[in-house]
Protein backbone atom coordinates (compact mmCIF):
# COMPACT_ATOMS: atom_id res chain seq x y z
CA MET A 1 -37.05 85.80 28.21
CA SER A 2 -38.87 82.65 29.14
CA GLN A 3 -38.63 78.96 28.22
CA GLN A 4 -42.33 78.50 28.75
CA ALA A 5 -44.81 78.04 25.87
CA LYS A 6 -45.63 81.69 25.47
CA GLY A 7 -44.49 84.44 23.05
CA THR A 8 -42.79 83.75 19.77
CA ARG A 9 -39.97 81.24 19.25
CA LEU A 10 -36.68 83.05 18.85
CA ASN A 11 -35.84 81.93 15.32
CA LYS A 12 -39.39 82.86 14.13
CA TYR A 13 -39.03 86.20 15.91
CA LEU A 14 -35.76 86.88 14.14
CA ALA A 15 -37.17 86.03 10.82
CA SER A 16 -40.04 88.46 11.25
CA CYS A 17 -37.44 91.02 11.99
CA GLY A 18 -35.93 90.54 8.65
CA VAL A 19 -32.69 89.05 9.92
CA GLY A 20 -33.06 86.08 7.51
CA SER A 21 -34.88 82.74 6.97
CA ARG A 22 -35.51 80.55 10.03
CA ARG A 23 -32.67 78.28 8.99
CA ALA A 24 -30.30 81.32 8.66
CA CYS A 25 -31.43 82.51 12.15
CA ASP A 26 -30.82 78.95 13.64
CA VAL A 27 -27.30 79.28 12.50
CA LEU A 28 -26.83 82.69 14.02
CA ILE A 29 -28.28 81.43 17.29
CA LYS A 30 -25.94 78.37 17.47
CA GLU A 31 -23.02 80.61 16.67
CA GLY A 32 -23.84 82.66 19.76
CA LYS A 33 -24.58 86.01 17.97
CA ILE A 34 -28.07 86.51 19.35
CA PHE A 35 -28.71 88.29 22.72
CA VAL A 36 -32.06 88.46 24.53
CA ASN A 37 -32.18 91.02 27.41
CA ASN A 38 -28.38 91.32 27.25
CA SER A 39 -27.80 87.55 27.72
CA ARG A 40 -26.35 85.40 25.13
CA CYS A 41 -28.99 82.93 23.83
CA GLU A 42 -28.17 79.61 21.90
CA ASN A 43 -31.57 77.94 22.13
CA PRO A 44 -33.82 78.41 18.82
CA ALA A 45 -36.87 77.27 21.00
CA THR A 46 -36.61 80.24 23.46
CA GLN A 47 -39.78 82.20 23.60
CA VAL A 48 -39.49 85.93 23.12
CA GLY A 49 -42.33 88.08 24.62
CA PRO A 50 -43.35 91.72 23.77
CA ASP A 51 -41.25 93.14 26.67
CA ASP A 52 -37.86 91.34 25.68
CA VAL A 53 -35.08 93.16 24.00
CA VAL A 54 -33.39 91.20 21.11
CA ARG A 55 -30.23 92.21 19.37
CA VAL A 56 -28.06 90.65 16.72
CA GLY A 57 -24.46 91.38 17.75
CA ARG A 58 -24.81 95.15 18.79
CA LYS A 59 -27.76 95.85 16.65
CA HIS A 60 -31.16 95.83 18.20
CA VAL A 61 -34.00 94.31 16.13
CA SER A 62 -37.68 94.39 16.26
CA PRO A 63 -40.46 92.75 14.14
CA ARG A 64 -41.52 94.41 11.00
CA SER A 65 -45.10 94.81 9.84
CA THR A 66 -46.11 91.97 7.48
CA GLU A 67 -45.77 92.71 3.78
CA VAL A 68 -46.83 90.64 0.86
CA ILE A 69 -46.28 91.82 -2.83
CA ILE A 70 -46.99 90.18 -6.03
CA PHE A 71 -44.25 90.76 -8.76
CA ASN A 72 -44.62 89.92 -12.41
CA LYS A 73 -41.25 88.63 -13.18
CA PRO A 74 -39.94 89.04 -16.68
CA ALA A 75 -37.52 86.49 -18.33
CA GLY A 76 -33.84 86.90 -17.91
CA LEU A 77 -33.91 87.53 -14.08
CA VAL A 78 -32.77 85.08 -11.38
CA CYS A 79 -34.79 84.53 -8.25
CA SER A 80 -31.96 85.15 -5.82
CA ALA A 81 -30.62 87.94 -3.65
CA GLN A 82 -27.04 87.40 -4.85
CA ASP A 83 -26.01 85.44 -7.97
CA GLU A 84 -22.66 83.55 -7.94
CA LEU A 85 -22.28 83.94 -11.75
CA GLY A 86 -23.04 87.64 -11.57
CA ARG A 87 -26.42 87.52 -13.37
CA GLU A 88 -29.19 90.08 -12.92
CA THR A 89 -31.63 89.29 -10.15
CA ILE A 90 -35.00 90.25 -9.28
CA TYR A 91 -33.77 92.52 -6.51
CA ASP A 92 -31.97 94.52 -9.11
CA ILE A 93 -35.17 96.06 -10.35
CA LEU A 94 -37.05 96.22 -7.15
CA PRO A 95 -36.93 99.37 -4.96
CA PRO A 96 -34.63 99.44 -1.82
CA LYS A 97 -37.65 99.46 0.48
CA LEU A 98 -38.47 95.87 -0.63
CA GLN A 99 -35.02 94.34 -0.47
CA HIS A 100 -35.85 92.69 2.92
CA LEU A 101 -38.67 90.63 1.34
CA LYS A 102 -37.98 86.98 0.32
CA ASN A 103 -39.27 85.38 -2.76
CA VAL A 104 -41.67 82.44 -2.11
CA GLY A 105 -40.55 79.66 -4.46
CA ARG A 106 -38.74 80.24 -7.73
CA LEU A 107 -39.07 80.76 -11.41
CA ASP A 108 -36.08 79.92 -13.44
CA LYS A 109 -34.20 82.48 -15.43
CA ASP A 110 -36.04 81.86 -18.67
CA SER A 111 -39.52 81.80 -17.13
CA GLU A 112 -41.77 84.58 -16.36
CA GLY A 113 -45.03 85.36 -14.45
CA LEU A 114 -46.42 85.85 -10.91
CA LEU A 115 -43.95 85.65 -8.01
CA VAL A 116 -44.80 86.31 -4.33
CA LEU A 117 -42.40 88.08 -2.03
CA THR A 118 -42.96 88.39 1.77
CA ASN A 119 -41.42 88.59 5.22
CA ASP A 120 -44.25 86.20 6.49
CA GLY A 121 -42.53 83.00 6.97
CA ASP A 122 -45.76 81.09 7.72
CA LEU A 123 -47.28 82.26 4.39
CA ALA A 124 -44.15 81.30 2.55
CA LEU A 125 -44.31 77.71 4.26
CA LYS A 126 -47.90 77.32 3.27
CA LEU A 127 -47.45 78.20 -0.32
CA THR A 128 -44.42 76.06 -0.81
CA HIS A 129 -44.78 72.97 1.25
CA PRO A 130 -45.96 70.11 -0.82
CA GLY A 131 -48.37 68.84 1.94
CA HIS A 132 -50.51 71.98 1.41
CA LYS A 133 -50.95 71.28 -2.35
CA VAL A 134 -51.42 74.86 -3.33
CA GLU A 135 -51.98 74.90 -7.13
CA LYS A 136 -49.83 76.93 -9.50
CA GLU A 137 -50.97 77.26 -13.06
CA TYR A 138 -48.78 77.92 -16.10
CA VAL A 139 -49.10 78.47 -19.74
CA VAL A 140 -46.52 76.37 -21.57
CA THR A 141 -45.42 76.69 -25.23
CA VAL A 142 -43.32 73.99 -26.80
CA ASN A 143 -41.34 73.80 -30.08
CA GLN A 144 -43.75 71.53 -31.89
CA ALA A 145 -47.33 70.18 -32.11
CA PHE A 146 -48.02 66.99 -30.11
CA ALA A 147 -50.64 64.37 -29.61
CA ASN A 148 -53.23 64.13 -26.79
CA GLU A 149 -51.36 61.08 -25.40
CA VAL A 150 -48.58 63.56 -24.29
CA MET A 151 -51.02 65.39 -22.00
CA ASP A 152 -52.24 61.99 -20.55
CA GLN A 153 -48.61 61.07 -19.80
CA LEU A 154 -47.95 64.31 -18.01
CA VAL A 155 -50.76 63.65 -15.63
CA LYS A 156 -49.81 59.97 -15.14
CA GLY A 157 -46.23 61.04 -14.47
CA VAL A 158 -42.83 60.84 -15.98
CA HIS A 159 -39.22 60.31 -14.74
CA THR A 160 -37.14 63.39 -14.47
CA PRO A 161 -33.57 64.20 -12.94
CA GLU A 162 -35.41 65.48 -9.87
CA GLY A 163 -37.39 62.25 -9.48
CA ARG A 164 -40.82 61.16 -10.78
CA ALA A 165 -43.00 64.19 -11.46
CA LYS A 166 -46.55 64.65 -12.70
CA ALA A 167 -49.09 67.45 -13.38
CA LYS A 168 -52.56 67.82 -11.61
CA SER A 169 -54.13 68.72 -14.93
CA VAL A 170 -53.21 69.66 -18.50
CA ARG A 171 -55.49 71.41 -20.85
CA ARG A 172 -54.82 72.25 -24.47
CA ILE A 173 -54.97 75.76 -25.77
CA SER A 174 -53.62 75.31 -29.24
CA PRO A 175 -51.43 72.69 -31.08
CA ARG A 176 -48.31 73.90 -29.30
CA ARG A 177 -49.68 75.53 -26.14
CA VAL A 178 -51.27 74.11 -22.92
CA LYS A 179 -52.21 75.11 -19.42
CA VAL A 180 -50.41 72.92 -16.71
CA VAL A 181 -51.41 72.89 -13.15
CA LEU A 182 -48.98 71.69 -10.53
CA GLU A 183 -49.17 71.00 -6.83
CA THR A 184 -45.40 70.39 -6.39
CA GLY A 185 -42.54 72.68 -7.06
CA LEU A 186 -39.54 70.55 -8.13
CA LYS A 187 -36.52 72.24 -9.79
CA ARG A 188 -37.45 73.10 -13.47
CA GLN A 189 -40.36 70.63 -13.23
CA ILE A 190 -42.21 71.43 -16.22
CA ARG A 191 -39.33 71.76 -18.59
CA TYR A 192 -37.90 68.35 -17.43
CA MET A 193 -41.26 66.73 -17.80
CA PHE A 194 -41.65 67.91 -21.35
CA ASP A 195 -37.89 66.93 -22.00
CA ALA A 196 -38.70 63.51 -20.93
CA LEU A 197 -41.33 63.30 -23.68
CA HIS A 198 -38.89 64.76 -26.37
CA LEU A 199 -40.45 68.24 -26.45
CA LYS A 200 -38.73 71.49 -25.70
CA VAL A 201 -40.34 74.34 -23.72
CA THR A 202 -39.88 77.70 -25.55
CA LYS A 203 -41.95 79.83 -23.23
CA LEU A 204 -43.26 79.36 -19.69
CA VAL A 205 -45.50 81.77 -17.90
CA ARG A 206 -46.99 81.30 -14.39
CA ILE A 207 -50.60 82.84 -14.40
CA ARG A 208 -52.19 81.71 -11.18
CA ILE A 209 -51.07 80.83 -7.55
CA GLY A 210 -53.95 79.29 -5.54
CA MET A 211 -57.04 81.34 -6.60
CA PHE A 212 -55.08 84.50 -7.28
CA LYS A 213 -54.74 85.87 -10.63
CA ASP A 214 -53.54 89.30 -11.91
CA SER A 215 -53.63 89.44 -15.68
CA GLY A 216 -53.40 93.29 -15.60
CA LEU A 217 -49.96 93.50 -14.08
CA GLU A 218 -47.33 94.41 -16.49
CA LEU A 219 -44.01 92.58 -16.72
CA GLY A 220 -41.43 93.95 -14.22
CA ARG A 221 -44.28 95.60 -12.09
CA TRP A 222 -45.22 94.87 -8.56
CA ARG A 223 -47.83 95.81 -6.07
CA HIS A 224 -48.98 94.99 -2.52
CA LEU A 225 -51.73 92.52 -1.76
CA ASP A 226 -54.61 93.11 0.49
CA GLU A 227 -56.01 90.42 3.03
CA SER A 228 -58.49 89.00 0.72
CA GLU A 229 -55.80 88.51 -1.98
CA VAL A 230 -53.35 86.87 0.51
CA GLU A 231 -56.05 84.47 1.47
CA ALA A 232 -56.70 83.62 -2.08
CA LEU A 233 -53.06 82.76 -2.67
CA GLY A 234 -53.53 79.81 -0.20
CA GLN A 235 -56.89 78.49 -1.47
CA ASN A 236 -57.38 76.32 -4.56
CA PRO A 237 -60.42 76.89 -6.94
CA PRO A 238 -63.10 74.40 -6.92
CA GLN A 239 -62.71 71.36 -9.27
CA ARG A 240 -64.05 72.12 -12.70
CA LYS A 241 -66.75 69.78 -13.68
CA VAL A 242 -65.92 67.72 -16.94
CA PRO A 243 -68.59 68.30 -19.63
CA ASP A 244 -70.83 65.33 -20.18
CA ASP A 245 -69.79 64.82 -23.84
CA VAL A 246 -66.15 64.75 -22.92
CA ALA A 247 -66.90 62.35 -20.13
CA ARG A 248 -68.78 59.97 -22.45
CA ALA A 249 -66.16 60.15 -25.07
CA THR A 250 -63.55 59.36 -22.44
CA ARG A 251 -65.51 56.32 -21.23
CA LYS A 252 -66.05 54.97 -24.72
CA ARG A 253 -62.28 55.35 -25.54
CA ALA A 254 -61.39 53.38 -22.38
CA THR A 255 -64.03 50.73 -23.08
CA ARG A 256 -62.68 50.17 -26.65
CA LYS A 257 -59.12 49.81 -25.39
CA SER A 258 -60.03 47.31 -22.66
CA ALA A 259 -62.11 45.33 -25.16
CA SER A 260 -59.39 45.22 -27.74
CA LYS A 261 -56.87 44.08 -24.96
CA SER A 262 -59.13 41.29 -23.74
CA ALA A 263 -59.78 40.17 -27.30
CA ARG A 264 -56.06 39.94 -27.92
CA LYS A 265 -55.51 37.89 -24.70
CA THR A 266 -58.30 35.57 -25.51
CA SER A 267 -56.91 34.78 -29.09
CA ARG A 268 -53.51 34.13 -27.60
CA ASN A 269 -54.94 31.87 -24.97
CA ASP A 270 -56.80 29.83 -27.66
CA SER A 271 -54.04 29.54 -30.15
CA GLY A 272 -51.13 29.15 -27.74
CA LYS A 273 -47.87 30.84 -28.25
CA ARG A 274 -47.66 32.56 -31.59
CA PRO A 275 -45.07 30.74 -33.79
CA GLY A 276 -42.18 32.70 -35.16
CA LYS A 277 -41.38 33.00 -38.90
CA HIS A 278 -38.78 30.38 -39.10
CA ALA A 279 -40.86 28.06 -37.00
CA SER A 280 -43.78 28.21 -39.45
CA LYS A 281 -41.45 27.47 -42.45
CA THR A 282 -40.04 24.44 -40.76
CA ALA A 283 -43.49 23.28 -39.94
CA ARG A 284 -44.65 23.44 -43.53
CA LYS A 285 -41.59 21.64 -44.72
CA SER A 286 -41.98 18.83 -42.40
CA THR A 287 -45.66 18.48 -43.41
CA LYS A 288 -44.75 18.06 -47.03
CA ARG A 289 -42.11 15.49 -46.36
CA SER A 290 -44.41 13.41 -44.23
CA ALA A 291 -47.08 13.65 -46.88
CA THR A 292 -44.82 12.37 -49.55
CA LYS A 293 -43.45 9.40 -47.52
CA THR A 294 -46.91 8.11 -46.61
CA SER A 295 -48.55 8.38 -50.11
CA GLY A 296 -45.39 7.19 -52.28
CA TYR A 297 -45.61 8.24 -55.79
CA LYS A 298 -49.18 8.41 -55.85
CA GLY A 299 -49.14 11.53 -53.73
CA ALA A 300 -46.46 13.12 -55.84
CA ARG A 301 -46.87 15.56 -58.74
CA PRO A 302 -48.02 14.32 -62.17
CA GLN A 303 -44.60 14.43 -63.79
CA PHE A 304 -43.13 12.27 -61.11
CA LYS A 305 -45.99 9.86 -61.58
CA ARG A 306 -45.28 9.51 -65.25
CA ALA A 307 -41.58 8.83 -64.68
CA ALA A 308 -42.45 6.20 -62.14
CA LYS A 309 -44.68 4.38 -64.57
CA LYS A 310 -41.96 4.32 -67.24
CA VAL A 311 -39.51 2.70 -64.75
CA SER A 312 -41.99 -0.04 -63.74
CA ARG A 313 -42.69 -0.92 -67.44
CA ARG A 314 -39.00 -1.29 -68.34
CA ARG A 315 -38.56 -3.65 -65.19
CA LYS A 316 -41.33 -5.79 -66.53
CA ASN A 317 -39.90 -6.08 -70.01
């Protein structure tokens, strides 16, 4: 055992042995349950070399070989080793030899699609930390057709119970189905985003992680990934070029919107504040009154003119 910067940190070493996550291993270390070369160790930063003997309580542990599998999760399963509510979990259908692997990220109970399980903590961090911006693509089906403005709003961002959330891109498949790409993984993010726009998600399937896809893997099945596939998990595909006709149409739409806005602003500046309904009526009444006062009976209607003439004649007689 050495405190120098060589070997592997104790918490990382324990995680690679399948003891638990690094946080869980930190707790075990602080509780004094970890021994290195028969000496109690309470420092998570302790470096463990290849010749050191590590045990948890009385059990000796050693690093396991790194495993990465892809699992096509069906709906109805919870991504957890144990569920407090007694619901069926993904580990109920995985074989015993894979029970030591941890799921990378989550898919909620009603969602399905690709899920990575591994004992490689560095890979798990790379795929889940928002700073790495690893893309996840989903096919989303909602309960009714919607306008294109909904897709624009999803990209701009909406307020959800987990905070402000947005999609990297949204592409329509049919009137009720879209492909959504995320770089973040907030709790039930896609469902909450559509809820904010008054749409209910009826089906949610993850079809891509990074550059990795596997459309041939059946629901409920799993398989190991090779090195090239593991690398593909952490790499995003190159940005798709927008077709010229779509780009031109987008520019024209934006130009028309800006032109109409500027025209409305100009008209308001020229005419001042737009009068309300009651204000315009009052203005018309005051105009009529002033006109009648200045012109006398000459400016009045014909029947009033005749009545005024009769009165004047009687006064003369």
